Amino acid sequence: MLRKEHSAEHRKWNRNPNTWIMLLTIVCVAATLVMAVYVLWFYQNSYYEETEQAVYDKYYMMITEDNKSSIWRSIYQGAKKQALEENVYVDWLGEELFQDYSVEEQMEIAIASGVDGIIVTANENDEMTELVNRAAEAEIPVVTLYGDNTQSARCSFVGIGSYNLGHEYGRLALQIIREKLVGQTESLSLDMPAEQTAEDTVAMSPGPAYVINEVKMGSSERPVRVAVLVNAYAQGLDQNILCSGIQETIEQERGESLEIELMLLTVDDTNAFSAEESIRDIFMEKEIPDIIICLNELNTTCVYQAVVDYNKVGEVNILGYYDSDTIINAIDRNVIYATAAIDTEQMGRFCINALQEYHALGYTSQYFTADIRLIQKADVEGYLEKGDQADESDG
């Protein structure tokens, strides 16, 4: 009788899905704990390990939201080069083993490992603030890179002049519109009535006057549509400041008769697939923007590909971000109008300099701003020559 009851209970236990879910959860938690222990052991010992080449004075960690983008790789190369000159080792935490960990999880690892400094692409959320403050309490200086956390105890921020970059994007958008208008005016000049009045034209510099009433950027007469692609999950102030720079420049310099519709389009750029889907949705709409301003490398590449795929080359003008080989070649092919190139190696150097200065003096500059250069068709030849020379030297 007892054996039958035991057998019945055993069958009931096997059929209960909650039991298996509980066991699976226990196994997953145990595996995570084992991995965490390995992580801590690996990084606690790596700094103290003496090699035949050198024993470093400091050990810094760089943490980014993405390990595949060429912009972060370039920043890391700049930081690594500067660090070696200072007899410091800087490790890019997400480059190999930890690419599947979030920025916050990597921060936890860095703090637990007791590193000498952290470089992190931050944001303004409460969890990041708490992590940066915890690092400061543990006497680990934190430099926020590209994205800031203004409420935290970070020692410095290394980024770009967001408002100035927005101003340049706004200026380039107006430049595109004026070039289009001048070209259309020249094609219409033979048909212009002799009694055309001065009120019907607007003088622009450089170039001749153009006729607002005859302007067509797209399929019908309407305001010129300028779209800025913004991060759907961005919580920092930099994006808002940059967009303000674009808006104010266009409002101040467009002229009274030129109608421009500025719109912000949110893009889920947490990964390449989601960004591509978001941008393709834009091109599926009935009305597509005349000018698209991209604020990161991923969006620039996705918009470039969409313009080609949907046969919109010449209709949609792209203002890009960063100077990857793909983007430079797209400018050379007249698919991307211009891009903003950031001195990424300079950003990497600034990060190391800020941490070194903080260790030496107990303080450092609150802000380091990297240089930005606009690249257009006329500038591309020099970049392509540099790329060819680099390939030959690598060979």
Protein backbone atom coordinates (compact mmCIF):
# COMPACT_ATOMS: atom_id res chain seq x y z
CA MET A 1 0.00 0.00 0.00
CA LEU A 2 2.80 2.39 0.91
CA ARG A 3 4.60 1.51 -2.30
CA LYS A 4 1.51 2.37 -4.36
CA GLU A 5 1.09 5.70 -2.59
CA HIS A 6 4.77 6.46 -3.15
CA SER A 7 4.46 5.57 -6.83
CA ALA A 8 1.39 7.78 -7.23
CA GLU A 9 3.12 10.69 -5.53
CA HIS A 10 6.17 10.17 -7.76
CA ARG A 11 4.01 10.31 -10.91
CA LYS A 12 2.27 13.43 -9.61
CA TRP A 13 5.63 15.10 -8.89
CA ASN A 14 6.84 14.30 -12.41
CA ARG A 15 3.74 15.81 -14.00
CA ASN A 16 3.94 19.06 -12.04
CA PRO A 17 5.56 21.68 -14.36
CA ASN A 18 6.26 24.05 -11.46
CA THR A 19 8.71 21.55 -10.00
CA TRP A 20 10.79 21.51 -13.17
CA ILE A 21 10.65 25.29 -13.47
CA MET A 22 11.93 25.58 -9.88
CA LEU A 23 14.77 23.14 -10.57
CA LEU A 24 15.70 24.96 -13.77
CA THR A 25 15.74 28.29 -11.90
CA ILE A 26 18.03 26.84 -9.22
CA VAL A 27 20.42 25.53 -11.88
CA CYS A 28 20.50 28.90 -13.69
CA VAL A 29 21.14 30.82 -10.46
CA ALA A 30 23.93 28.43 -9.52
CA ALA A 31 25.54 28.78 -12.95
CA THR A 32 25.35 32.58 -12.71
CA LEU A 33 26.99 32.55 -9.28
CA VAL A 34 29.78 30.32 -10.54
CA MET A 35 30.35 32.67 -13.50
CA ALA A 36 30.38 35.70 -11.19
CA VAL A 37 32.97 34.05 -8.94
CA TYR A 38 35.11 33.31 -11.99
CA VAL A 39 34.79 36.90 -13.19
CA LEU A 40 35.88 38.32 -9.83
CA TRP A 41 38.78 35.89 -9.58
CA PHE A 42 39.93 36.64 -13.12
CA TYR A 43 39.99 40.42 -12.73
CA GLN A 44 41.27 40.50 -9.17
CA ASN A 45 44.31 38.49 -10.21
CA SER A 46 44.96 39.90 -13.68
CA TYR A 47 46.21 43.27 -12.39
CA TYR A 48 48.68 41.77 -9.94
CA GLU A 49 50.06 39.30 -12.45
CA GLU A 50 53.62 40.19 -13.37
CA THR A 51 54.62 39.53 -16.95
CA GLU A 52 57.99 39.50 -18.61
CA GLN A 53 57.16 42.78 -20.33
CA ALA A 54 55.92 45.12 -17.58
CA VAL A 55 54.30 45.66 -14.23
CA TYR A 56 51.68 48.40 -14.57
CA ASP A 57 51.13 51.17 -12.05
CA LYS A 58 47.36 51.33 -12.52
CA TYR A 59 44.57 49.16 -13.89
CA TYR A 60 41.55 50.87 -15.49
CA MET A 61 38.40 49.42 -16.99
CA MET A 62 36.49 50.82 -19.95
CA ILE A 63 32.78 49.94 -20.16
CA THR A 64 30.63 50.73 -23.19
CA GLU A 65 27.06 50.00 -24.25
CA ASP A 66 28.21 48.30 -27.44
CA ASN A 67 31.38 46.40 -28.26
CA LYS A 68 30.85 46.11 -32.02
CA SER A 69 30.71 49.74 -33.11
CA SER A 70 33.92 51.02 -34.65
CA ILE A 71 33.59 54.29 -32.72
CA TRP A 72 34.15 52.53 -29.38
CA ARG A 73 37.05 50.55 -30.79
CA SER A 74 38.69 53.76 -31.95
CA ILE A 75 38.15 55.39 -28.54
CA TYR A 76 39.64 52.34 -26.85
CA GLN A 77 42.70 52.42 -29.12
CA GLY A 78 43.27 56.07 -28.18
CA ALA A 79 42.88 55.27 -24.49
CA LYS A 80 45.14 52.22 -24.71
CA LYS A 81 47.90 54.14 -26.48
CA GLN A 82 47.82 56.94 -23.92
CA ALA A 83 47.65 54.47 -21.03
CA LEU A 84 50.77 52.61 -22.16
CA GLU A 85 52.66 55.91 -22.24
CA GLU A 86 51.60 56.40 -18.60
CA ASN A 87 52.53 52.81 -17.63
CA VAL A 88 48.85 52.05 -17.12
CA TYR A 89 46.83 49.09 -18.39
CA VAL A 90 43.29 49.81 -19.62
CA ASP A 91 40.96 46.88 -20.25
CA TRP A 92 37.83 47.05 -22.39
CA LEU A 93 35.51 44.95 -20.29
CA GLY A 94 32.88 44.27 -22.95
CA GLU A 95 35.30 43.41 -25.73
CA GLU A 96 35.45 39.66 -25.19
CA LEU A 97 34.06 37.75 -22.21
CA PHE A 98 31.44 40.22 -21.05
CA GLN A 99 29.76 41.45 -24.22
CA ASP A 100 26.41 39.98 -23.12
CA TYR A 101 26.45 41.88 -19.82
CA SER A 102 24.67 45.22 -19.49
CA VAL A 103 26.61 48.39 -18.70
CA GLU A 104 25.25 48.29 -15.15
CA GLU A 105 26.31 44.66 -14.67
CA GLN A 106 29.79 45.45 -15.96
CA MET A 107 29.94 48.34 -13.49
CA GLU A 108 29.16 45.90 -10.69
CA ILE A 109 32.03 43.68 -11.84
CA ALA A 110 34.47 46.59 -12.04
CA ILE A 111 33.58 47.87 -8.57
CA ALA A 112 33.81 44.39 -7.02
CA SER A 113 37.18 43.89 -8.70
CA GLY A 114 38.62 46.99 -7.00
CA VAL A 115 40.09 48.55 -10.14
CA ASP A 116 41.92 51.89 -10.04
CA GLY A 117 39.54 53.71 -12.37
CA ILE A 118 36.44 53.24 -14.53
CA ILE A 119 35.56 54.75 -17.90
CA VAL A 120 31.87 54.21 -18.66
CA THR A 121 29.26 55.28 -21.20
CA ALA A 122 26.75 56.51 -18.65
CA ASN A 123 23.16 57.72 -18.62
CA GLU A 124 20.99 59.68 -16.21
CA ASN A 125 19.03 56.81 -14.64
CA ASP A 126 19.02 56.22 -10.88
CA GLU A 127 20.77 52.86 -11.08
CA MET A 128 23.76 54.38 -12.87
CA THR A 129 23.89 57.23 -10.34
CA GLU A 130 23.97 54.73 -7.48
CA LEU A 131 26.73 52.66 -9.14
CA VAL A 132 28.95 55.67 -9.83
CA ASN A 133 28.48 56.85 -6.25
CA ARG A 134 29.36 53.39 -4.93
CA ALA A 135 32.55 53.43 -6.98
CA ALA A 136 33.43 56.88 -5.59
CA GLU A 137 32.84 55.63 -2.03
CA ALA A 138 35.23 52.77 -2.79
CA GLU A 139 37.79 55.39 -3.93
CA ILE A 140 37.47 54.36 -7.58
CA PRO A 141 37.30 57.49 -9.78
CA VAL A 142 34.77 57.28 -12.63
CA VAL A 143 34.98 59.14 -15.94
CA THR A 144 31.71 59.21 -17.87
CA LEU A 145 32.25 58.85 -21.61
CA TYR A 146 29.99 60.24 -24.30
CA GLY A 147 26.91 59.93 -22.07
CA ASP A 148 26.97 61.70 -18.69
CA ASN A 149 25.42 61.24 -15.26
CA THR A 150 25.30 64.75 -13.88
CA GLN A 151 23.81 63.79 -10.50
CA SER A 152 26.59 61.38 -9.59
CA ALA A 153 30.02 61.72 -8.02
CA ARG A 154 31.84 61.08 -11.29
CA CYS A 155 35.17 62.90 -11.46
CA SER A 156 34.92 64.03 -15.10
CA PHE A 157 32.92 63.79 -18.32
CA VAL A 158 34.47 63.28 -21.75
CA GLY A 159 32.13 64.06 -24.65
CA ILE A 160 31.34 66.40 -27.50
CA GLY A 161 29.96 69.92 -27.67
CA SER A 162 26.36 68.86 -28.26
CA TYR A 163 24.94 72.31 -28.94
CA ASN A 164 27.73 73.21 -31.37
CA LEU A 165 27.26 69.93 -33.22
CA GLY A 166 23.53 70.64 -33.42
CA HIS A 167 24.33 74.06 -34.85
CA GLU A 168 26.50 72.47 -37.55
CA TYR A 169 23.78 69.96 -38.44
CA GLY A 170 21.24 72.79 -38.72
CA ARG A 171 23.60 74.77 -40.92
CA LEU A 172 24.20 71.77 -43.19
CA ALA A 173 20.45 71.12 -43.49
CA LEU A 174 19.95 74.71 -44.67
CA GLN A 175 22.87 74.32 -47.05
CA ILE A 176 21.22 71.27 -48.64
CA ILE A 177 17.91 73.12 -49.03
CA ARG A 178 19.58 76.15 -50.60
CA GLU A 179 21.51 74.03 -53.06
CA LYS A 180 18.30 72.28 -54.09
CA LEU A 181 16.46 75.55 -54.44
CA VAL A 182 19.19 77.20 -56.47
CA GLY A 183 19.34 74.20 -58.81
CA GLN A 184 15.59 74.22 -59.33
CA THR A 185 15.53 77.97 -59.88
CA GLU A 186 18.16 77.71 -62.59
CA SER A 187 16.10 75.05 -64.37
CA LEU A 188 12.99 77.24 -64.14
CA SER A 189 14.61 80.56 -65.03
CA LEU A 190 13.76 80.33 -68.73
CA ASP A 191 10.06 80.01 -67.90
CA MET A 192 9.97 82.80 -65.32
CA PRO A 193 7.53 85.59 -66.25
CA ALA A 194 9.10 88.98 -66.95
CA GLU A 195 6.75 90.62 -64.46
CA GLN A 196 8.07 88.49 -61.58
CA THR A 197 8.30 90.79 -58.57
CA ALA A 198 10.94 91.01 -55.88
CA GLU A 199 8.38 89.83 -53.32
CA ASP A 200 8.22 86.46 -55.04
CA THR A 201 11.93 85.81 -54.65
CA VAL A 202 14.25 85.52 -51.71
CA ALA A 203 17.94 86.31 -51.95
CA MET A 204 20.24 83.71 -50.47
CA SER A 205 23.98 83.82 -50.10
CA PRO A 206 25.87 82.21 -51.69
CA GLY A 207 24.07 81.79 -55.00
CA PRO A 208 21.37 83.63 -56.94
CA ALA A 209 17.83 84.36 -55.80
CA TYR A 210 15.38 81.48 -55.86
CA VAL A 211 11.61 81.27 -56.16
CA ILE A 212 9.92 79.92 -53.05
CA ASN A 213 6.61 79.30 -54.83
CA GLU A 214 8.28 77.02 -57.36
CA VAL A 215 10.20 74.91 -54.82
CA LYS A 216 9.51 71.19 -54.85
CA MET A 217 11.56 68.94 -52.56
CA GLY A 218 9.60 65.75 -53.04
CA SER A 219 6.41 64.95 -54.86
CA SER A 220 4.40 68.09 -54.06
CA GLU A 221 4.71 71.66 -52.92
CA ARG A 222 5.02 71.63 -49.12
CA PRO A 223 7.37 72.54 -46.28
CA VAL A 224 10.77 70.88 -46.40
CA ARG A 225 10.76 67.98 -43.95
CA VAL A 226 13.87 67.61 -41.79
CA ALA A 227 13.88 64.57 -39.48
CA VAL A 228 16.25 64.00 -36.56
CA LEU A 229 16.60 60.36 -35.50
CA VAL A 230 16.69 60.22 -31.71
CA ASN A 231 17.30 57.31 -29.37
CA ALA A 232 13.99 56.00 -28.02
CA TYR A 233 15.57 55.11 -24.66
CA ALA A 234 18.07 57.94 -24.20
CA GLN A 235 17.87 59.50 -20.73
CA GLY A 236 20.76 61.93 -21.02
CA LEU A 237 20.68 65.67 -21.66
CA ASP A 238 23.14 65.63 -24.56
CA GLN A 239 20.57 64.46 -27.12
CA ASN A 240 18.12 67.18 -26.09
CA ILE A 241 20.82 69.86 -26.21
CA LEU A 242 21.91 68.69 -29.67
CA CYS A 243 18.33 68.80 -30.98
CA SER A 244 17.91 72.29 -29.51
CA GLY A 245 21.01 73.39 -31.42
CA ILE A 246 19.52 72.08 -34.68
CA GLN A 247 16.15 73.70 -34.07
CA GLU A 248 17.48 77.10 -33.04
CA THR A 249 19.91 77.27 -35.97
CA ILE A 250 17.19 76.47 -38.49
CA GLU A 251 14.76 78.94 -36.91
CA GLN A 252 17.31 81.75 -36.81
CA GLU A 253 18.87 81.27 -40.25
CA ARG A 254 16.16 79.88 -42.51
CA GLY A 255 14.62 83.22 -43.55
CA GLU A 256 10.99 84.27 -43.31
CA SER A 257 9.76 82.73 -46.58
CA LEU A 258 11.33 79.30 -46.26
CA GLU A 259 9.01 76.76 -44.64
CA ILE A 260 10.76 73.91 -42.84
CA GLU A 261 9.09 71.21 -40.79
CA LEU A 262 11.48 69.83 -38.17
CA MET A 263 10.49 66.50 -36.64
CA LEU A 264 12.01 64.09 -34.12
CA LEU A 265 11.66 60.41 -35.03
CA THR A 266 12.44 57.86 -32.32
CA VAL A 267 14.55 54.86 -33.26
CA ASP A 268 15.08 51.75 -31.16
CA ASP A 269 18.83 51.40 -31.66
CA THR A 270 19.51 48.97 -28.83
CA ASN A 271 20.86 46.63 -31.51
CA ALA A 272 21.40 46.60 -35.29
CA PHE A 273 18.24 44.63 -36.03
CA SER A 274 15.88 46.90 -34.07
CA ALA A 275 17.48 50.01 -35.57
CA GLU A 276 17.11 48.64 -39.09
CA GLU A 277 13.43 47.81 -38.48
CA SER A 278 12.69 51.25 -37.03
CA ILE A 279 14.32 53.03 -39.97
CA ARG A 280 12.64 50.84 -42.57
CA ASP A 281 9.31 51.77 -41.00
CA ILE A 282 10.12 55.41 -41.78
CA PHE A 283 10.64 54.57 -45.46
CA MET A 284 7.36 52.67 -45.56
CA GLU A 285 5.40 55.82 -44.69
CA LYS A 286 3.59 57.82 -47.37
CA GLU A 287 5.62 60.96 -46.67
CA ILE A 288 9.35 60.43 -46.27
CA PRO A 289 11.63 63.17 -44.85
CA ASP A 290 13.68 65.17 -47.32
CA ILE A 291 16.64 65.36 -44.94
CA ILE A 292 17.47 62.80 -42.25
CA ILE A 293 19.94 63.70 -39.50
CA CYS A 294 21.54 60.71 -37.75
CA LEU A 295 23.09 61.03 -34.30
CA ASN A 296 25.09 57.80 -34.20
CA GLU A 297 27.03 55.48 -36.48
CA LEU A 298 24.48 52.64 -36.46
CA ASN A 299 21.58 54.83 -37.57
CA THR A 300 23.72 56.44 -40.26
CA THR A 301 24.60 53.05 -41.75
CA CYS A 302 20.98 51.83 -41.58
CA VAL A 303 19.57 54.97 -43.23
CA TYR A 304 22.23 54.77 -45.95
CA GLN A 305 21.23 51.18 -46.68
CA ALA A 306 17.51 52.03 -46.66
CA VAL A 307 17.98 54.92 -49.09
CA VAL A 308 19.73 52.55 -51.51
CA ASP A 309 17.23 49.71 -51.03
CA TYR A 310 14.18 51.94 -51.55
CA ASN A 311 15.75 53.76 -54.51
CA LYS A 312 15.67 57.15 -52.77
CA VAL A 313 19.19 58.27 -53.66
CA GLY A 314 18.99 61.94 -54.58
CA GLU A 315 15.55 62.34 -52.98
CA VAL A 316 16.54 61.81 -49.35
CA ASN A 317 19.64 63.63 -48.09
CA ILE A 318 21.54 62.11 -45.17
CA LEU A 319 23.57 63.93 -42.55
CA GLY A 320 25.57 61.23 -40.83
CA TYR A 321 27.67 60.63 -37.76
CA TYR A 322 31.25 59.28 -37.52
CA ASP A 323 33.76 58.56 -40.27
CA SER A 324 33.77 54.80 -40.72
CA ASP A 325 34.89 53.42 -44.08
CA THR A 326 31.29 52.65 -45.00
CA ILE A 327 30.15 56.22 -44.32
CA ILE A 328 33.11 57.81 -46.13
CA ASN A 329 32.49 55.64 -49.20
CA ALA A 330 28.80 56.58 -49.11
CA ILE A 331 29.75 60.27 -49.19
CA ASP A 332 32.05 59.57 -52.12
CA ARG A 333 29.08 57.98 -53.94
CA ASN A 334 26.86 60.99 -53.17
CA VAL A 335 24.47 58.92 -51.05
CA ILE A 336 25.38 60.64 -47.76
CA TYR A 337 25.70 64.41 -48.00
CA ALA A 338 28.03 64.93 -45.03
CA THR A 339 29.03 63.43 -41.71
CA ALA A 340 30.36 64.66 -38.37
CA ALA A 341 33.71 63.07 -37.59
CA ILE A 342 34.68 62.99 -33.92
CA ASP A 343 38.30 62.76 -32.85
CA THR A 344 37.71 59.46 -31.07
CA GLU A 345 41.37 58.81 -30.26
CA GLN A 346 41.44 62.21 -28.57
CA MET A 347 38.44 61.14 -26.48
CA GLY A 348 40.32 58.03 -25.38
CA ARG A 349 43.37 60.10 -24.42
CA PHE A 350 41.20 62.53 -22.45
CA CYS A 351 39.75 59.64 -20.41
CA ILE A 352 43.18 58.42 -19.34
CA ASN A 353 44.42 61.96 -18.68
CA ALA A 354 41.42 62.67 -16.45
CA LEU A 355 41.97 59.53 -14.35
CA GLN A 356 45.72 60.11 -14.08
CA GLU A 357 45.22 63.72 -13.06
CA TYR A 358 42.65 62.73 -10.44
CA HIS A 359 45.02 60.16 -8.91
CA ALA A 360 47.87 62.70 -8.85
CA LEU A 361 45.98 65.78 -7.60
CA GLY A 362 42.70 64.54 -6.16
CA TYR A 363 40.72 66.50 -8.74
CA THR A 364 40.49 67.03 -12.49
CA SER A 365 38.58 69.08 -15.06
CA GLN A 366 34.82 68.50 -14.97
CA TYR A 367 34.53 68.44 -18.76
CA PHE A 368 36.69 67.41 -21.69
CA THR A 369 35.30 68.18 -25.15
CA ALA A 370 36.58 66.32 -28.21
CA ASP A 371 37.14 67.99 -31.56
CA ILE A 372 34.59 67.54 -34.36
CA ARG A 373 35.16 67.90 -38.10
CA LEU A 374 32.52 67.93 -40.83
CA ILE A 375 33.29 65.75 -43.85
CA GLN A 376 31.70 66.45 -47.22
CA LYS A 377 32.36 65.26 -50.77
CA ALA A 378 35.32 67.62 -51.21
CA ASP A 379 37.05 66.15 -48.14
CA VAL A 380 36.60 62.48 -49.01
CA GLU A 381 39.63 62.06 -51.29
CA GLY A 382 42.04 62.76 -48.44
CA TYR A 383 40.32 60.21 -46.19
CA LEU A 384 40.37 57.54 -48.88
CA GLU A 385 44.08 58.13 -49.49
CA LYS A 386 44.79 57.74 -45.76
CA GLY A 387 42.83 54.50 -45.75
CA ASP A 388 44.81 53.12 -48.70
CA GLN A 389 48.10 54.07 -47.03
CA ALA A 390 47.01 52.37 -43.81
CA ASP A 391 46.11 49.18 -45.73
CA GLU A 392 49.52 49.18 -47.44
CA SER A 393 51.34 49.62 -44.13
CA ASP A 394 49.32 46.79 -42.56
CA GLY A 395 50.18 44.59 -45.50
